[in-house]
Amino acid sequence: MFGCFTRKFRFIMAKEIPEHRDKLGRVLSVGDAVCYPSHNSLELGTVKKLNPKMVKVWEVGSHGRWYTGSNKYPQDLVKVDGPEVSMYLLKMSGSS
């Protein structure tokens, strides 16, 4: 006998965007400039994605072809802002 395969469809809700806070308790959002530790140094990057447990951060500057960013825990990040950071981001974005 032949079996009958039925598919069960269910309504999928849109994923809720998690709220992450940095080391100082400030809310992180996509596009924020953050400082984070990387290989025994301090890096400056931007938040690209908010995952359920971690934050995807892209280092400022030029990257290789296979660069995918790095996932960091929110408590390891510090949100930075100000005119010096804005000028650095503009200067470094032209080199990539």
C-alpha atoms as a PDB file:
ATOM      1  CA  MET A   1       0.000   0.000   0.000  1.00  0.00           C
ATOM      2  CA  PHE A   2       1.070   3.561  -0.595  1.00  0.00           C
ATOM      3  CA  GLY A   3       1.350   5.913   2.303  1.00  0.00           C
ATOM      4  CA  CYS A   4      -0.104   9.402   2.278  1.00  0.00           C
ATOM      5  CA  PHE A   5       2.160  12.247   3.275  1.00  0.00           C
ATOM      6  CA  THR A   6       0.449  15.384   4.473  1.00  0.00           C
ATOM      7  CA  ARG A   7       2.246  18.590   5.264  1.00  0.00           C
ATOM      8  CA  LYS A   8       1.304  20.543   8.308  1.00  0.00           C
ATOM      9  CA  PHE A   9       1.398  24.266   7.758  1.00  0.00           C
ATOM     10  CA  ARG A  10       1.544  26.577  10.672  1.00  0.00           C
ATOM     11  CA  PHE A  11       1.503  30.315  10.983  1.00  0.00           C
ATOM     12  CA  ILE A  12       5.010  31.627  11.625  1.00  0.00           C
ATOM     13  CA  MET A  13       5.246  34.826  13.615  1.00  0.00           C
ATOM     14  CA  ALA A  14       7.908  37.407  12.831  1.00  0.00           C
ATOM     15  CA  LYS A  15      10.951  37.044  15.056  1.00  0.00           C
ATOM     16  CA  GLU A  16      11.160  39.445  17.941  1.00  0.00           C
ATOM     17  CA  ILE A  17      14.212  41.700  17.893  1.00  0.00           C
ATOM     18  CA  PRO A  18      16.168  41.151  21.109  1.00  0.00           C
ATOM     19  CA  GLU A  19      17.206  44.090  23.276  1.00  0.00           C
ATOM     20  CA  HIS A  20      20.884  43.933  24.169  1.00  0.00           C
ATOM     21  CA  ARG A  21      22.681  46.289  26.533  1.00  0.00           C
ATOM     22  CA  ASP A  22      26.385  47.136  26.528  1.00  0.00           C
ATOM     23  CA  LYS A  23      28.798  47.126  29.484  1.00  0.00           C
ATOM     24  CA  LEU A  24      27.452  50.485  30.672  1.00  0.00           C
ATOM     25  CA  GLY A  25      23.783  49.483  30.355  1.00  0.00           C
ATOM     26  CA  ARG A  26      23.000  51.422  27.166  1.00  0.00           C
ATOM     27  CA  VAL A  27      20.722  49.788  24.598  1.00  0.00           C
ATOM     28  CA  LEU A  28      22.494  48.571  21.436  1.00  0.00           C
ATOM     29  CA  SER A  29      20.905  48.853  18.000  1.00  0.00           C
ATOM     30  CA  VAL A  30      21.985  48.086  14.438  1.00  0.00           C
ATOM     31  CA  GLY A  31      24.404  50.713  13.112  1.00  0.00           C
ATOM     32  CA  ASP A  32      25.828  51.766  16.490  1.00  0.00           C
ATOM     33  CA  ALA A  33      29.586  52.284  16.799  1.00  0.00           C
ATOM     34  CA  VAL A  34      31.069  50.027  19.478  1.00  0.00           C
ATOM     35  CA  CYS A  35      34.466  49.159  20.931  1.00  0.00           C
ATOM     36  CA  TYR A  36      35.210  45.507  21.639  1.00  0.00           C
ATOM     37  CA  PRO A  37      38.166  43.273  22.567  1.00  0.00           C
ATOM     38  CA  SER A  38      39.761  41.228  19.790  1.00  0.00           C
ATOM     39  CA  HIS A  39      43.016  39.235  19.971  1.00  0.00           C
ATOM     40  CA  ASN A  40      44.492  41.174  22.897  1.00  0.00           C
ATOM     41  CA  SER A  41      43.640  44.588  21.421  1.00  0.00           C
ATOM     42  CA  LEU A  42      40.738  47.020  21.343  1.00  0.00           C
ATOM     43  CA  GLU A  43      38.831  47.349  18.054  1.00  0.00           C
ATOM     44  CA  LEU A  44      36.249  49.817  16.790  1.00  0.00           C
ATOM     45  CA  GLY A  45      33.352  48.438  14.787  1.00  0.00           C
ATOM     46  CA  THR A  46      29.670  48.756  13.965  1.00  0.00           C
ATOM     47  CA  VAL A  47      26.754  46.559  14.981  1.00  0.00           C
ATOM     48  CA  LYS A  48      25.407  44.699  11.929  1.00  0.00           C
ATOM     49  CA  LYS A  49      22.925  42.247  13.461  1.00  0.00           C
ATOM     50  CA  LEU A  50      21.312  41.468  16.790  1.00  0.00           C
ATOM     51  CA  ASN A  51      21.178  37.718  17.358  1.00  0.00           C
ATOM     52  CA  PRO A  52      19.223  36.163  20.247  1.00  0.00           C
ATOM     53  CA  LYS A  53      22.327  35.729  22.447  1.00  0.00           C
ATOM     54  CA  MET A  54      25.112  37.657  20.710  1.00  0.00           C
ATOM     55  CA  VAL A  55      25.756  40.724  18.566  1.00  0.00           C
ATOM     56  CA  LYS A  56      27.340  40.557  15.071  1.00  0.00           C
ATOM     57  CA  VAL A  57      30.027  43.266  14.870  1.00  0.00           C
ATOM     58  CA  TRP A  58      32.000  44.375  11.794  1.00  0.00           C
ATOM     59  CA  GLU A  59      35.411  45.930  12.280  1.00  0.00           C
ATOM     60  CA  VAL A  60      35.873  49.369  10.738  1.00  0.00           C
ATOM     61  CA  GLY A  61      38.230  49.477   7.761  1.00  0.00           C
ATOM     62  CA  SER A  62      39.050  47.260   4.819  1.00  0.00           C
ATOM     63  CA  HIS A  63      38.344  43.531   4.920  1.00  0.00           C
ATOM     64  CA  GLY A  64      39.280  40.463   2.977  1.00  0.00           C
ATOM     65  CA  ARG A  65      36.843  38.691   0.714  1.00  0.00           C
ATOM     66  CA  TRP A  66      35.811  36.100   3.317  1.00  0.00           C
ATOM     67  CA  TYR A  67      35.410  38.443   6.303  1.00  0.00           C
ATOM     68  CA  THR A  68      32.106  37.719   8.055  1.00  0.00           C
ATOM     69  CA  GLY A  69      32.423  39.858  11.153  1.00  0.00           C
ATOM     70  CA  SER A  70      32.546  38.484  14.661  1.00  0.00           C
ATOM     71  CA  ASN A  71      29.932  37.570  17.221  1.00  0.00           C
ATOM     72  CA  LYS A  72      30.441  39.199  20.605  1.00  0.00           C
ATOM     73  CA  TYR A  73      28.499  39.025  23.826  1.00  0.00           C
ATOM     74  CA  PRO A  74      26.704  42.319  24.548  1.00  0.00           C
ATOM     75  CA  GLN A  75      28.455  42.729  27.907  1.00  0.00           C
ATOM     76  CA  ASP A  76      31.819  42.777  26.047  1.00  0.00           C
ATOM     77  CA  LEU A  77      30.820  45.843  23.977  1.00  0.00           C
ATOM     78  CA  VAL A  78      30.865  49.549  24.809  1.00  0.00           C
ATOM     79  CA  LYS A  79      28.801  51.944  22.701  1.00  0.00           C
ATOM     80  CA  VAL A  80      30.826  55.003  21.638  1.00  0.00           C
ATOM     81  CA  ASP A  81      29.743  58.266  20.052  1.00  0.00           C
ATOM     82  CA  GLY A  82      30.953  61.785  19.561  1.00  0.00           C
ATOM     83  CA  PRO A  83      32.615  63.886  16.871  1.00  0.00           C
ATOM     84  CA  GLU A  84      35.958  62.037  17.046  1.00  0.00           C
ATOM     85  CA  VAL A  85      34.287  58.676  16.456  1.00  0.00           C
ATOM     86  CA  SER A  86      32.189  60.081  13.596  1.00  0.00           C
ATOM     87  CA  MET A  87      35.274  61.483  11.872  1.00  0.00           C
ATOM     88  CA  TYR A  88      37.174  58.201  12.315  1.00  0.00           C
ATOM     89  CA  LEU A  89      34.271  56.187  10.895  1.00  0.00           C
ATOM     90  CA  LEU A  90      34.015  58.494   7.875  1.00  0.00           C
ATOM     91  CA  LYS A  91      37.768  58.365   7.293  1.00  0.00           C
ATOM     92  CA  MET A  92      37.968  54.576   7.550  1.00  0.00           C
ATOM     93  CA  SER A  93      34.813  53.866   5.500  1.00  0.00           C
ATOM     94  CA  GLY A  94      36.487  55.372   2.434  1.00  0.00           C
ATOM     95  CA  SER A  95      39.322  52.847   2.613  1.00  0.00           C
ATOM     96  CA  SER A  96      37.085  49.770   2.312  1.00  0.00           C
END
